[in-house]
């Protein structure tokens, strides 16, 4: 009986830890969802690591996202472009991000896009 209580206590501890870790999982960002829905079919991660990549800083990455969204006919808003650019930058490029609001690097107000 004592052994059964020990096993039950261990199982409950594992279950609590699993539940806690499931709750702390970060949901996908809007930029990641847009990218995986519309872009990942043609763009493997290799395209972001190739030697002759066209994105060399934040502004050029933003231009490439805008260009391809237009080429494919996506009706993305400026906010969508910023979100996808932010996702790609955090996942692959790690360029310095400009401040749009003046509150520090990489802080954007929703709906504001970067000027090219």
C-alpha atoms as a PDB file:
ATOM      1  CA  UNK A   1       0.000   0.000   0.000  1.00  0.00           C
ATOM      2  CA  UNK A   2       2.814   2.375   0.851  1.00  0.00           C
ATOM      3  CA  UNK A   3       4.481   1.671  -2.512  1.00  0.00           C
ATOM      4  CA  UNK A   4       1.230   2.425  -4.336  1.00  0.00           C
ATOM      5  CA  UNK A   5       0.994   5.813  -2.568  1.00  0.00           C
ATOM      6  CA  UNK A   6       4.574   6.624  -3.574  1.00  0.00           C
ATOM      7  CA  UNK A   7       3.867   5.738  -7.198  1.00  0.00           C
ATOM      8  CA  UNK A   8       0.666   7.801  -7.117  1.00  0.00           C
ATOM      9  CA  UNK A   9       2.545  10.788  -5.673  1.00  0.00           C
ATOM     10  CA  UNK A  10       5.207  10.559  -8.397  1.00  0.00           C
ATOM     11  CA  UNK A  11       2.557  10.311 -11.115  1.00  0.00           C
ATOM     12  CA  UNK A  12       0.701  13.317  -9.726  1.00  0.00           C
ATOM     13  CA  UNK A  13       3.950  15.295  -9.614  1.00  0.00           C
ATOM     14  CA  UNK A  14       4.703  14.440 -13.228  1.00  0.00           C
ATOM     15  CA  UNK A  15       1.164  15.379 -14.264  1.00  0.00           C
ATOM     16  CA  UNK A  16       1.386  18.744 -12.491  1.00  0.00           C
ATOM     17  CA  UNK A  17       4.757  19.479 -14.150  1.00  0.00           C
ATOM     18  CA  UNK A  18       3.401  18.558 -17.574  1.00  0.00           C
ATOM     19  CA  UNK A  19       0.355  20.755 -17.091  1.00  0.00           C
ATOM     20  CA  UNK A  20       2.516  23.679 -15.955  1.00  0.00           C
ATOM     21  CA  UNK A  21       4.889  23.347 -18.903  1.00  0.00           C
ATOM     22  CA  UNK A  22       1.971  23.127 -21.341  1.00  0.00           C
ATOM     23  CA  UNK A  23       0.561  26.381 -19.988  1.00  0.00           C
ATOM     24  CA  UNK A  24       3.889  28.211 -20.312  1.00  0.00           C
ATOM     25  CA  UNK A  25       4.401  27.252 -23.951  1.00  0.00           C
ATOM     26  CA  UNK A  26       4.533  30.396 -26.048  1.00  0.00           C
ATOM     27  CA  UNK A  27       1.870  30.536 -28.732  1.00  0.00           C
ATOM     28  CA  UNK A  28       3.015  31.243 -32.269  1.00  0.00           C
ATOM     29  CA  UNK A  29       3.206  34.914 -33.165  1.00  0.00           C
ATOM     30  CA  UNK A  30       1.041  36.404 -35.895  1.00  0.00           C
ATOM     31  CA  UNK A  31       4.153  36.807 -38.040  1.00  0.00           C
ATOM     32  CA  UNK A  32       5.055  33.149 -37.625  1.00  0.00           C
ATOM     33  CA  UNK A  33       1.516  32.066 -38.489  1.00  0.00           C
ATOM     34  CA  UNK A  34       1.457  34.252 -41.609  1.00  0.00           C
ATOM     35  CA  UNK A  35       4.879  32.984 -42.678  1.00  0.00           C
ATOM     36  CA  UNK A  36       4.098  29.307 -42.136  1.00  0.00           C
ATOM     37  CA  UNK A  37       0.739  29.671 -43.886  1.00  0.00           C
ATOM     38  CA  UNK A  38       1.876  31.604 -46.954  1.00  0.00           C
ATOM     39  CA  UNK A  39       5.650  31.332 -47.346  1.00  0.00           C
ATOM     40  CA  UNK A  40       7.120  28.154 -45.922  1.00  0.00           C
ATOM     41  CA  UNK A  41       5.947  26.030 -48.871  1.00  0.00           C
ATOM     42  CA  UNK A  42       8.604  27.687 -51.045  1.00  0.00           C
ATOM     43  CA  UNK A  43      11.018  28.989 -48.416  1.00  0.00           C
ATOM     44  CA  UNK A  44      12.907  26.406 -46.438  1.00  0.00           C
ATOM     45  CA  UNK A  45      15.205  27.646 -43.680  1.00  0.00           C
ATOM     46  CA  UNK A  46      18.082  27.307 -46.153  1.00  0.00           C
ATOM     47  CA  UNK A  47      16.878  30.362 -48.076  1.00  0.00           C
ATOM     48  CA  UNK A  48      17.574  32.474 -44.991  1.00  0.00           C
ATOM     49  CA  UNK A  49      21.097  31.132 -44.548  1.00  0.00           C
ATOM     50  CA  UNK A  50      22.378  31.168 -48.120  1.00  0.00           C
ATOM     51  CA  UNK A  51      25.499  33.144 -48.986  1.00  0.00           C
ATOM     52  CA  UNK A  52      23.865  35.514 -51.485  1.00  0.00           C
ATOM     53  CA  UNK A  53      20.904  36.460 -49.320  1.00  0.00           C
ATOM     54  CA  UNK A  54      19.218  39.736 -50.197  1.00  0.00           C
ATOM     55  CA  UNK A  55      18.383  40.655 -46.601  1.00  0.00           C
ATOM     56  CA  UNK A  56      21.427  42.251 -45.015  1.00  0.00           C
ATOM     57  CA  UNK A  57      19.761  44.450 -42.391  1.00  0.00           C
ATOM     58  CA  UNK A  58      16.309  45.236 -40.992  1.00  0.00           C
ATOM     59  CA  UNK A  59      15.330  47.603 -43.816  1.00  0.00           C
ATOM     60  CA  UNK A  60      16.308  45.167 -46.569  1.00  0.00           C
ATOM     61  CA  UNK A  61      14.499  42.325 -44.788  1.00  0.00           C
ATOM     62  CA  UNK A  62      11.378  44.498 -44.607  1.00  0.00           C
ATOM     63  CA  UNK A  63      11.715  45.286 -48.333  1.00  0.00           C
ATOM     64  CA  UNK A  64      12.013  41.589 -49.213  1.00  0.00           C
ATOM     65  CA  UNK A  65       8.936  40.673 -47.176  1.00  0.00           C
ATOM     66  CA  UNK A  66       7.001  43.486 -48.896  1.00  0.00           C
ATOM     67  CA  UNK A  67       8.279  42.450 -52.318  1.00  0.00           C
ATOM     68  CA  UNK A  68       7.335  38.798 -51.939  1.00  0.00           C
ATOM     69  CA  UNK A  69       3.967  39.566 -50.373  1.00  0.00           C
ATOM     70  CA  UNK A  70       3.256  41.690 -53.441  1.00  0.00           C
ATOM     71  CA  UNK A  71       4.646  39.116 -55.900  1.00  0.00           C
ATOM     72  CA  UNK A  72       2.423  36.405 -54.472  1.00  0.00           C
ATOM     73  CA  UNK A  73      -0.593  38.708 -54.269  1.00  0.00           C
ATOM     74  CA  UNK A  74      -1.026  38.615 -50.507  1.00  0.00           C
ATOM     75  CA  UNK A  75      -3.200  41.416 -49.183  1.00  0.00           C
ATOM     76  CA  UNK A  76      -1.040  41.951 -46.108  1.00  0.00           C
ATOM     77  CA  UNK A  77      -1.340  45.147 -44.137  1.00  0.00           C
ATOM     78  CA  UNK A  78       1.693  47.132 -43.033  1.00  0.00           C
ATOM     79  CA  UNK A  79       1.213  45.510 -39.623  1.00  0.00           C
ATOM     80  CA  UNK A  80       1.330  42.039 -41.192  1.00  0.00           C
ATOM     81  CA  UNK A  81       4.563  42.958 -42.986  1.00  0.00           C
ATOM     82  CA  UNK A  82       6.120  44.156 -39.726  1.00  0.00           C
ATOM     83  CA  UNK A  83       5.014  41.000 -37.903  1.00  0.00           C
ATOM     84  CA  UNK A  84       6.472  38.674 -40.552  1.00  0.00           C
ATOM     85  CA  UNK A  85       9.666  40.743 -40.698  1.00  0.00           C
ATOM     86  CA  UNK A  86       9.926  40.606 -36.904  1.00  0.00           C
ATOM     87  CA  UNK A  87       9.382  36.832 -36.915  1.00  0.00           C
ATOM     88  CA  UNK A  88      12.016  36.236 -39.615  1.00  0.00           C
ATOM     89  CA  UNK A  89      14.454  38.504 -37.846  1.00  0.00           C
ATOM     90  CA  UNK A  90      14.050  36.740 -34.510  1.00  0.00           C
ATOM     91  CA  UNK A  91      14.130  33.257 -36.056  1.00  0.00           C
ATOM     92  CA  UNK A  92      16.935  33.668 -38.599  1.00  0.00           C
ATOM     93  CA  UNK A  93      18.647  37.028 -39.034  1.00  0.00           C
ATOM     94  CA  UNK A  94      19.055  38.811 -35.693  1.00  0.00           C
ATOM     95  CA  UNK A  95      19.525  42.262 -37.237  1.00  0.00           C
ATOM     96  CA  UNK A  96      19.350  45.363 -35.068  1.00  0.00           C
ATOM     97  CA  UNK A  97      15.745  46.506 -35.112  1.00  0.00           C
ATOM     98  CA  UNK A  98      14.830  50.176 -35.349  1.00  0.00           C
ATOM     99  CA  UNK A  99      12.606  51.872 -32.821  1.00  0.00           C
ATOM    100  CA  UNK A 100       9.412  53.284 -34.247  1.00  0.00           C
ATOM    101  CA  UNK A 101       7.933  54.531 -30.985  1.00  0.00           C
ATOM    102  CA  UNK A 102      11.088  55.828 -29.337  1.00  0.00           C
ATOM    103  CA  UNK A 103      10.722  53.314 -26.494  1.00  0.00           C
ATOM    104  CA  UNK A 104      13.768  51.305 -27.461  1.00  0.00           C
ATOM    105  CA  UNK A 105      15.066  49.042 -30.206  1.00  0.00           C
ATOM    106  CA  UNK A 106      12.527  46.711 -31.735  1.00  0.00           C
ATOM    107  CA  UNK A 107       9.449  48.274 -30.136  1.00  0.00           C
ATOM    108  CA  UNK A 108       6.634  48.842 -32.625  1.00  0.00           C
ATOM    109  CA  UNK A 109       3.224  50.332 -32.302  1.00  0.00           C
ATOM    110  CA  UNK A 110       0.665  48.035 -33.977  1.00  0.00           C
ATOM    111  CA  UNK A 111      -0.317  49.358 -37.382  1.00  0.00           C
ATOM    112  CA  UNK A 112       2.852  51.376 -37.900  1.00  0.00           C
ATOM    113  CA  UNK A 113       5.151  50.160 -40.627  1.00  0.00           C
ATOM    114  CA  UNK A 114       8.699  51.188 -41.276  1.00  0.00           C
ATOM    115  CA  UNK A 115       9.356  53.654 -44.031  1.00  0.00           C
ATOM    116  CA  UNK A 116      11.636  52.350 -46.739  1.00  0.00           C
END
